[in-house]
Amino acid sequence: MLYLKNLFFVLLFFLDISFSQEDNLIINDEINREGQRCIDTRRLRDTYIVDDSSILFYMYGGDIYRNFLRRECFGLDRYNSFSYEPSFYRLCNLDSITVIEGFSIEIRPTGSRCNLGLFFQISDSDAEFLRTGNRSSIMEEPELIKFSDDIQD
């Protein structure tokens, strides 16, 4: 009898794992929320600088990735341009970008060098929100609460 009880709990444990893995697969089919180490620069269509800490990477095929830089990259938002040197057509979290403030005599970009972080896939609506800051389509304005000026002791 004890053997059957233990077998029952073991089966329940494995059933629970298999259901939770199926749920995770459904979520990952829509958008991969785990960070990727690299993106293929041959698929890179466009970039958009959100601020001094993050960049959007638009890929052919519709995928959009947000990269959170490891540290704030001073001048990135102000100059709104950067360069990178991919290796083997890949841009990875171990690579760095250089803010283009101007060019030196050697025709190389000058400016801050900043390390990339992981690439996180985001939805079109998230990217649009980051680009425009349009909150009205995402959330309603909070209701205004009026307080009376009368204070009673």
N, C-alpha and C. Protein backbone atom coordinates (compact mmCIF):
# COMPACT_ATOMS: atom_id res chain seq x y z
N MET A 1 0.82 -1.20 0.00
CA MET A 1 0.00 0.00 0.00
C MET A 1 0.86 1.26 0.00
N LEU A 2 1.91 1.25 0.79
CA LEU A 2 2.83 2.38 0.85
C LEU A 2 3.49 2.60 -0.51
N TYR A 3 3.80 1.51 -1.20
CA TYR A 3 4.40 1.58 -2.53
C TYR A 3 3.47 2.30 -3.51
N LEU A 4 2.19 1.97 -3.47
CA LEU A 4 1.21 2.61 -4.37
C LEU A 4 1.06 4.10 -4.06
N LYS A 5 1.10 4.44 -2.78
CA LYS A 5 1.00 5.84 -2.39
C LYS A 5 2.18 6.64 -2.94
N ASN A 6 3.38 6.09 -2.78
CA ASN A 6 4.58 6.77 -3.27
C ASN A 6 4.56 6.88 -4.80
N LEU A 7 4.12 5.83 -5.46
CA LEU A 7 4.02 5.84 -6.91
C LEU A 7 3.03 6.91 -7.38
N PHE A 8 1.94 7.04 -6.66
CA PHE A 8 0.93 8.05 -6.98
C PHE A 8 1.52 9.46 -6.90
N PHE A 9 2.28 9.77 -5.85
CA PHE A 9 2.88 11.10 -5.69
C PHE A 9 3.95 11.36 -6.74
N VAL A 10 4.70 10.35 -7.10
CA VAL A 10 5.71 10.50 -8.14
C VAL A 10 5.04 10.82 -9.48
N LEU A 11 3.96 10.11 -9.79
CA LEU A 11 3.24 10.37 -11.03
C LEU A 11 2.65 11.78 -11.05
N LEU A 12 2.09 12.22 -9.94
CA LEU A 12 1.56 13.58 -9.86
C LEU A 12 2.66 14.62 -10.08
N PHE A 13 3.83 14.35 -9.53
CA PHE A 13 4.96 15.26 -9.68
C PHE A 13 5.33 15.40 -11.16
N PHE A 14 5.45 14.29 -11.87
CA PHE A 14 5.82 14.34 -13.28
C PHE A 14 4.71 14.94 -14.14
N LEU A 15 3.48 14.70 -13.81
CA LEU A 15 2.38 15.32 -14.54
C LEU A 15 2.40 16.84 -14.38
N ASP A 16 2.68 17.30 -13.17
CA ASP A 16 2.75 18.73 -12.91
C ASP A 16 3.88 19.36 -13.72
N ILE A 17 5.02 18.72 -13.80
CA ILE A 17 6.15 19.24 -14.58
C ILE A 17 5.78 19.31 -16.06
N SER A 18 5.15 18.27 -16.58
CA SER A 18 4.84 18.28 -18.01
C SER A 18 3.82 19.37 -18.35
N PHE A 19 2.84 19.62 -17.48
CA PHE A 19 1.88 20.69 -17.75
C PHE A 19 2.55 22.06 -17.70
N SER A 20 3.43 22.27 -16.73
CA SER A 20 4.08 23.58 -16.64
C SER A 20 5.01 23.80 -17.82
N GLN A 21 5.65 22.76 -18.35
CA GLN A 21 6.50 22.92 -19.52
C GLN A 21 5.67 23.26 -20.74
N GLU A 22 4.48 22.69 -20.88
CA GLU A 22 3.61 23.03 -22.00
C GLU A 22 3.18 24.49 -21.92
N ASP A 23 2.89 24.97 -20.73
CA ASP A 23 2.52 26.38 -20.56
C ASP A 23 3.66 27.28 -20.99
N ASN A 24 4.89 26.94 -20.60
CA ASN A 24 6.04 27.74 -20.98
C ASN A 24 6.24 27.75 -22.49
N LEU A 25 5.99 26.64 -23.15
CA LEU A 25 6.15 26.58 -24.60
C LEU A 25 5.15 27.50 -25.29
N ILE A 26 3.95 27.58 -24.77
CA ILE A 26 2.95 28.46 -25.37
C ILE A 26 3.40 29.92 -25.25
N ILE A 27 3.91 30.30 -24.11
CA ILE A 27 4.39 31.67 -23.93
C ILE A 27 5.57 31.94 -24.85
N ASN A 28 6.52 31.01 -24.95
CA ASN A 28 7.70 31.22 -25.77
C ASN A 28 7.38 31.26 -27.25
N ASP A 29 6.27 30.63 -27.69
CA ASP A 29 5.90 30.70 -29.10
C ASP A 29 5.52 32.12 -29.49
N GLU A 30 4.91 32.85 -28.57
CA GLU A 30 4.49 34.21 -28.89
C GLU A 30 5.69 35.16 -28.87
N ILE A 31 6.33 35.29 -27.74
CA ILE A 31 7.49 36.18 -27.60
C ILE A 31 8.46 35.54 -26.61
N ASN A 32 9.71 35.48 -26.99
CA ASN A 32 10.74 34.93 -26.12
C ASN A 32 11.15 36.01 -25.12
N ARG A 33 10.76 35.85 -23.87
CA ARG A 33 11.05 36.85 -22.84
C ARG A 33 12.42 36.64 -22.20
N GLU A 34 13.09 35.55 -22.52
CA GLU A 34 14.43 35.34 -22.00
C GLU A 34 15.41 36.04 -22.93
N GLY A 35 16.43 36.61 -22.37
CA GLY A 35 17.40 37.33 -23.18
C GLY A 35 18.23 36.42 -24.07
N GLN A 36 18.54 36.93 -25.25
CA GLN A 36 19.43 36.23 -26.17
C GLN A 36 20.81 36.86 -26.09
N ARG A 37 21.83 36.05 -26.28
CA ARG A 37 23.20 36.57 -26.24
C ARG A 37 23.54 37.34 -27.50
N CYS A 38 23.05 36.89 -28.68
CA CYS A 38 23.46 37.48 -29.95
C CYS A 38 22.28 37.66 -30.89
N ILE A 39 22.46 38.59 -31.84
CA ILE A 39 21.53 38.72 -32.97
C ILE A 39 22.35 38.66 -34.25
N ASP A 40 21.71 38.26 -35.34
CA ASP A 40 22.34 38.14 -36.65
C ASP A 40 22.27 39.50 -37.35
N THR A 41 23.41 40.13 -37.59
CA THR A 41 23.40 41.46 -38.19
C THR A 41 22.95 41.44 -39.65
N ARG A 42 22.95 40.29 -40.29
CA ARG A 42 22.44 40.20 -41.67
C ARG A 42 20.92 40.37 -41.69
N ARG A 43 20.25 40.13 -40.55
CA ARG A 43 18.80 40.32 -40.45
C ARG A 43 18.43 41.69 -39.89
N LEU A 44 19.43 42.48 -39.49
CA LEU A 44 19.18 43.77 -38.87
C LEU A 44 18.69 44.78 -39.91
N ARG A 45 17.52 45.34 -39.66
CA ARG A 45 16.90 46.30 -40.59
C ARG A 45 17.10 47.73 -40.13
N ASP A 46 16.97 47.98 -38.81
CA ASP A 46 17.01 49.35 -38.31
C ASP A 46 17.27 49.31 -36.81
N THR A 47 17.70 50.44 -36.27
CA THR A 47 17.86 50.57 -34.82
C THR A 47 17.18 51.86 -34.38
N TYR A 48 16.84 51.90 -33.10
CA TYR A 48 16.25 53.11 -32.52
C TYR A 48 16.81 53.26 -31.12
N ILE A 49 17.38 54.42 -30.83
CA ILE A 49 17.94 54.69 -29.51
C ILE A 49 16.81 55.19 -28.62
N VAL A 50 16.51 54.44 -27.57
CA VAL A 50 15.44 54.82 -26.64
C VAL A 50 15.94 55.89 -25.69
N ASP A 51 17.11 55.65 -25.09
CA ASP A 51 17.72 56.58 -24.16
C ASP A 51 19.19 56.18 -24.02
N ASP A 52 19.87 56.71 -23.02
CA ASP A 52 21.29 56.39 -22.83
C ASP A 52 21.52 54.97 -22.31
N SER A 53 20.46 54.23 -22.06
CA SER A 53 20.60 52.89 -21.48
C SER A 53 20.04 51.77 -22.33
N SER A 54 19.29 52.07 -23.38
CA SER A 54 18.70 50.98 -24.17
C SER A 54 18.51 51.36 -25.64
N ILE A 55 18.57 50.32 -26.48
CA ILE A 55 18.45 50.46 -27.93
C ILE A 55 17.49 49.40 -28.43
N LEU A 56 16.65 49.77 -29.40
CA LEU A 56 15.78 48.80 -30.07
C LEU A 56 16.45 48.36 -31.37
N PHE A 57 16.42 47.06 -31.63
CA PHE A 57 16.96 46.48 -32.86
C PHE A 57 15.80 45.86 -33.63
N TYR A 58 15.50 46.41 -34.81
CA TYR A 58 14.42 45.92 -35.67
C TYR A 58 15.02 44.97 -36.70
N MET A 59 14.44 43.77 -36.77
CA MET A 59 14.97 42.74 -37.66
C MET A 59 14.03 42.52 -38.84
N TYR A 60 14.61 42.10 -39.97
CA TYR A 60 13.76 41.64 -41.08
C TYR A 60 12.99 40.42 -40.58
N GLY A 61 11.75 40.33 -40.92
CA GLY A 61 10.90 39.25 -40.43
C GLY A 61 10.00 39.71 -39.30
N GLY A 62 10.22 40.93 -38.78
CA GLY A 62 9.32 41.49 -37.79
C GLY A 62 9.75 41.41 -36.34
N ASP A 63 10.80 40.67 -36.02
CA ASP A 63 11.24 40.60 -34.62
C ASP A 63 11.84 41.93 -34.20
N ILE A 64 11.60 42.28 -32.93
CA ILE A 64 12.17 43.49 -32.35
C ILE A 64 12.84 43.09 -31.04
N TYR A 65 14.08 43.55 -30.85
CA TYR A 65 14.82 43.25 -29.63
C TYR A 65 15.19 44.55 -28.94
N ARG A 66 15.08 44.53 -27.61
CA ARG A 66 15.53 45.66 -26.80
C ARG A 66 16.79 45.23 -26.08
N ASN A 67 17.83 46.05 -26.20
CA ASN A 67 19.08 45.76 -25.52
C ASN A 67 19.26 46.78 -24.41
N PHE A 68 19.40 46.28 -23.19
CA PHE A 68 19.71 47.13 -22.05
C PHE A 68 21.22 47.13 -21.90
N LEU A 69 21.85 48.28 -22.11
CA LEU A 69 23.29 48.37 -21.99
C LEU A 69 23.70 48.08 -20.55
N ARG A 70 24.91 47.60 -20.39
CA ARG A 70 25.35 47.22 -19.03
C ARG A 70 25.43 48.42 -18.10
N ARG A 71 25.77 49.57 -18.67
CA ARG A 71 25.80 50.83 -17.92
C ARG A 71 25.26 51.94 -18.80
N GLU A 72 24.89 53.04 -18.19
CA GLU A 72 24.42 54.18 -18.97
C GLU A 72 25.53 54.64 -19.91
N CYS A 73 25.17 54.91 -21.15
CA CYS A 73 26.13 55.28 -22.19
C CYS A 73 25.96 56.77 -22.49
N PHE A 74 26.77 57.59 -21.85
CA PHE A 74 26.61 59.04 -21.94
C PHE A 74 26.77 59.52 -23.38
N GLY A 75 25.83 60.33 -23.83
CA GLY A 75 25.85 60.90 -25.16
C GLY A 75 25.09 60.11 -26.20
N LEU A 76 24.68 58.89 -25.88
CA LEU A 76 23.99 58.05 -26.87
C LEU A 76 22.67 58.69 -27.31
N ASP A 77 21.87 59.12 -26.36
CA ASP A 77 20.58 59.74 -26.68
C ASP A 77 20.79 61.11 -27.34
N ARG A 78 21.77 61.85 -26.88
CA ARG A 78 22.02 63.20 -27.40
C ARG A 78 22.48 63.17 -28.86
N TYR A 79 23.47 62.33 -29.17
CA TYR A 79 24.02 62.28 -30.53
C TYR A 79 23.22 61.35 -31.44
N ASN A 80 22.44 60.48 -30.86
CA ASN A 80 21.51 59.61 -31.58
C ASN A 80 22.16 58.80 -32.70
N SER A 81 23.39 58.38 -32.48
CA SER A 81 24.02 57.49 -33.45
C SER A 81 25.17 56.74 -32.79
N PHE A 82 25.40 55.53 -33.29
CA PHE A 82 26.46 54.70 -32.75
C PHE A 82 26.99 53.79 -33.85
N SER A 83 28.16 53.22 -33.60
CA SER A 83 28.72 52.25 -34.53
C SER A 83 29.06 50.98 -33.76
N TYR A 84 29.22 49.91 -34.49
CA TYR A 84 29.61 48.63 -33.90
C TYR A 84 30.40 47.85 -34.92
N GLU A 85 31.18 46.90 -34.46
CA GLU A 85 31.96 46.04 -35.33
C GLU A 85 31.59 44.59 -35.04
N PRO A 86 30.68 44.03 -35.82
CA PRO A 86 30.26 42.65 -35.55
C PRO A 86 31.35 41.66 -35.95
N SER A 87 31.34 40.53 -35.28
CA SER A 87 32.25 39.45 -35.68
C SER A 87 31.39 38.30 -36.19
N PHE A 88 31.71 37.83 -37.37
CA PHE A 88 30.98 36.73 -38.01
C PHE A 88 29.48 37.03 -38.13
N TYR A 89 29.14 38.27 -38.50
CA TYR A 89 27.75 38.69 -38.73
C TYR A 89 26.89 38.58 -37.48
N ARG A 90 27.51 38.64 -36.31
CA ARG A 90 26.75 38.55 -35.07
C ARG A 90 27.12 39.72 -34.17
N LEU A 91 26.11 40.26 -33.53
CA LEU A 91 26.30 41.29 -32.52
C LEU A 91 25.88 40.66 -31.20
N CYS A 92 26.81 40.60 -30.26
CA CYS A 92 26.56 39.84 -29.02
C CYS A 92 26.69 40.71 -27.78
N ASN A 93 26.24 40.15 -26.67
CA ASN A 93 26.26 40.87 -25.40
C ASN A 93 27.68 41.14 -24.90
N LEU A 94 28.68 40.51 -25.46
CA LEU A 94 30.06 40.78 -25.08
C LEU A 94 30.68 41.88 -25.95
N ASP A 95 29.96 42.31 -27.00
CA ASP A 95 30.45 43.36 -27.89
C ASP A 95 30.16 44.74 -27.31
N SER A 96 30.78 45.74 -27.92
CA SER A 96 30.55 47.11 -27.48
C SER A 96 30.15 47.98 -28.67
N ILE A 97 29.54 49.10 -28.35
CA ILE A 97 29.19 50.10 -29.36
C ILE A 97 29.98 51.36 -29.04
N THR A 98 30.13 52.23 -30.03
CA THR A 98 30.79 53.52 -29.83
C THR A 98 29.83 54.62 -30.25
N VAL A 99 29.60 55.57 -29.36
CA VAL A 99 28.76 56.71 -29.67
C VAL A 99 29.49 57.56 -30.71
N ILE A 100 28.78 57.96 -31.76
CA ILE A 100 29.40 58.79 -32.79
C ILE A 100 29.13 60.25 -32.45
N GLU A 101 30.15 60.89 -31.85
CA GLU A 101 30.06 62.32 -31.54
C GLU A 101 30.67 63.12 -32.69
N GLY A 102 31.55 62.50 -33.40
CA GLY A 102 32.25 63.13 -34.50
C GLY A 102 33.27 62.12 -35.00
N PHE A 103 34.12 62.54 -35.91
CA PHE A 103 35.14 61.64 -36.44
C PHE A 103 36.51 62.24 -36.20
N SER A 104 37.47 61.37 -35.90
CA SER A 104 38.84 61.81 -35.71
C SER A 104 39.55 61.84 -37.05
N ILE A 105 40.81 62.19 -37.05
CA ILE A 105 41.62 62.24 -38.28
C ILE A 105 41.66 60.87 -38.94
N GLU A 106 41.59 59.81 -38.16
CA GLU A 106 41.67 58.45 -38.69
C GLU A 106 40.33 57.97 -39.25
N ILE A 107 39.35 58.82 -39.36
CA ILE A 107 38.00 58.47 -39.84
C ILE A 107 37.39 57.36 -38.98
N ARG A 108 37.58 57.46 -37.71
CA ARG A 108 36.97 56.52 -36.77
C ARG A 108 36.03 57.29 -35.87
N PRO A 109 34.92 56.70 -35.48
CA PRO A 109 34.01 57.42 -34.60
C PRO A 109 34.64 57.69 -33.24
N THR A 110 34.37 58.86 -32.71
CA THR A 110 34.85 59.19 -31.37
C THR A 110 33.64 59.32 -30.45
N GLY A 111 33.81 58.96 -29.23
CA GLY A 111 32.73 59.04 -28.26
C GLY A 111 32.83 57.90 -27.27
N SER A 112 31.85 57.80 -26.41
CA SER A 112 31.83 56.78 -25.37
C SER A 112 31.76 55.38 -25.97
N ARG A 113 32.48 54.45 -25.36
CA ARG A 113 32.34 53.03 -25.71
C ARG A 113 31.50 52.39 -24.61
N CYS A 114 30.51 51.62 -25.04
CA CYS A 114 29.57 51.05 -24.08
C CYS A 114 29.34 49.58 -24.40
N ASN A 115 29.24 48.78 -23.35
CA ASN A 115 29.04 47.33 -23.53
C ASN A 115 27.56 47.01 -23.65
N LEU A 116 27.25 46.14 -24.62
CA LEU A 116 25.88 45.68 -24.81
C LEU A 116 25.50 44.68 -23.72
N GLY A 117 24.22 44.55 -23.49
CA GLY A 117 23.68 43.52 -22.60
C GLY A 117 22.99 42.45 -23.42
N LEU A 118 22.11 41.71 -22.80
CA LEU A 118 21.34 40.69 -23.51
C LEU A 118 20.29 41.36 -24.39
N PHE A 119 19.85 40.64 -25.42
CA PHE A 119 18.83 41.12 -26.34
C PHE A 119 17.49 40.48 -25.95
N PHE A 120 16.51 41.31 -25.60
CA PHE A 120 15.20 40.83 -25.17
C PHE A 120 14.18 41.11 -26.26
N GLN A 121 13.46 40.07 -26.69
CA GLN A 121 12.43 40.24 -27.70
C GLN A 121 11.24 40.96 -27.08
N ILE A 122 10.71 41.97 -27.79
CA ILE A 122 9.55 42.72 -27.31
C ILE A 122 8.49 42.76 -28.41
N SER A 123 7.29 43.11 -28.03
CA SER A 123 6.18 43.18 -28.99
C SER A 123 6.21 44.52 -29.74
N ASP A 124 5.44 44.58 -30.83
CA ASP A 124 5.31 45.82 -31.60
C ASP A 124 4.75 46.94 -30.73
N SER A 125 3.75 46.62 -29.91
CA SER A 125 3.13 47.66 -29.08
C SER A 125 4.10 48.18 -28.02
N ASP A 126 4.92 47.29 -27.45
CA ASP A 126 5.94 47.74 -26.49
C ASP A 126 6.94 48.66 -27.17
N ALA A 127 7.37 48.29 -28.38
CA ALA A 127 8.33 49.12 -29.12
C ALA A 127 7.72 50.47 -29.46
N GLU A 128 6.47 50.47 -29.87
CA GLU A 128 5.78 51.73 -30.20
C GLU A 128 5.69 52.63 -28.97
N PHE A 129 5.39 52.03 -27.83
CA PHE A 129 5.33 52.80 -26.58
C PHE A 129 6.68 53.41 -26.26
N LEU A 130 7.76 52.64 -26.43
CA LEU A 130 9.09 53.16 -26.15
C LEU A 130 9.49 54.28 -27.12
N ARG A 131 9.05 54.17 -28.35
CA ARG A 131 9.38 55.20 -29.36
C ARG A 131 8.58 56.48 -29.16
N THR A 132 7.30 56.36 -28.88
CA THR A 132 6.44 57.55 -28.84
C THR A 132 6.09 58.00 -27.44
N GLY A 133 6.15 57.07 -26.49
CA GLY A 133 5.74 57.41 -25.13
C GLY A 133 4.25 57.63 -25.01
N ASN A 134 3.47 57.11 -25.97
CA ASN A 134 2.02 57.30 -25.99
C ASN A 134 1.37 56.36 -25.00
N ARG A 135 1.05 56.87 -23.82
CA ARG A 135 0.45 56.03 -22.79
C ARG A 135 -1.03 55.78 -23.00
N SER A 136 -1.69 56.64 -23.72
CA SER A 136 -3.15 56.55 -23.81
C SER A 136 -3.61 55.23 -24.40
N SER A 137 -2.84 54.65 -25.30
CA SER A 137 -3.26 53.39 -25.89
C SER A 137 -2.97 52.21 -24.97
N ILE A 138 -2.13 52.42 -23.98
CA ILE A 138 -1.75 51.31 -23.11
C ILE A 138 -2.48 51.36 -21.78
N MET A 139 -2.64 52.56 -21.24
CA MET A 139 -3.30 52.66 -19.95
C MET A 139 -4.14 53.92 -19.89
N GLU A 140 -5.16 53.87 -19.08
CA GLU A 140 -6.03 55.03 -18.91
C GLU A 140 -5.41 55.99 -17.90
N GLU A 141 -5.77 57.25 -18.02
CA GLU A 141 -5.31 58.23 -17.06
C GLU A 141 -5.95 57.93 -15.70
N PRO A 142 -5.21 58.13 -14.62
CA PRO A 142 -5.80 57.87 -13.31
C PRO A 142 -6.90 58.88 -12.99
N GLU A 143 -7.84 58.44 -12.20
CA GLU A 143 -8.96 59.29 -11.81
C GLU A 143 -8.48 60.33 -10.81
N LEU A 144 -8.89 61.58 -11.01
CA LEU A 144 -8.52 62.67 -10.13
C LEU A 144 -9.33 62.58 -8.84
N ILE A 145 -8.66 62.66 -7.72
CA ILE A 145 -9.32 62.61 -6.42
C ILE A 145 -9.25 64.00 -5.81
N LYS A 146 -10.41 64.55 -5.42
CA LYS A 146 -10.45 65.87 -4.82
C LYS A 146 -10.55 65.72 -3.31
N PHE A 147 -9.73 66.49 -2.62
CA PHE A 147 -9.76 66.51 -1.17
C PHE A 147 -10.35 67.84 -0.73
N SER A 148 -11.07 67.81 0.38
CA SER A 148 -11.63 69.06 0.89
C SER A 148 -10.54 69.84 1.62
N ASP A 149 -10.67 71.15 1.60
CA ASP A 149 -9.69 72.01 2.26
C ASP A 149 -9.95 72.12 3.76
N ASP A 150 -11.10 71.65 4.20
CA ASP A 150 -11.46 71.75 5.61
C ASP A 150 -10.73 70.69 6.41
N ILE A 151 -9.98 71.14 7.38
CA ILE A 151 -9.29 70.21 8.27
C ILE A 151 -9.93 70.33 9.64
N GLN A 152 -10.41 69.23 10.16
CA GLN A 152 -11.07 69.26 11.46
C GLN A 152 -10.17 68.56 12.47
N ASP A 153 -10.07 69.18 13.62
CA ASP A 153 -9.26 68.60 14.70
C ASP A 153 -10.08 67.73 15.60
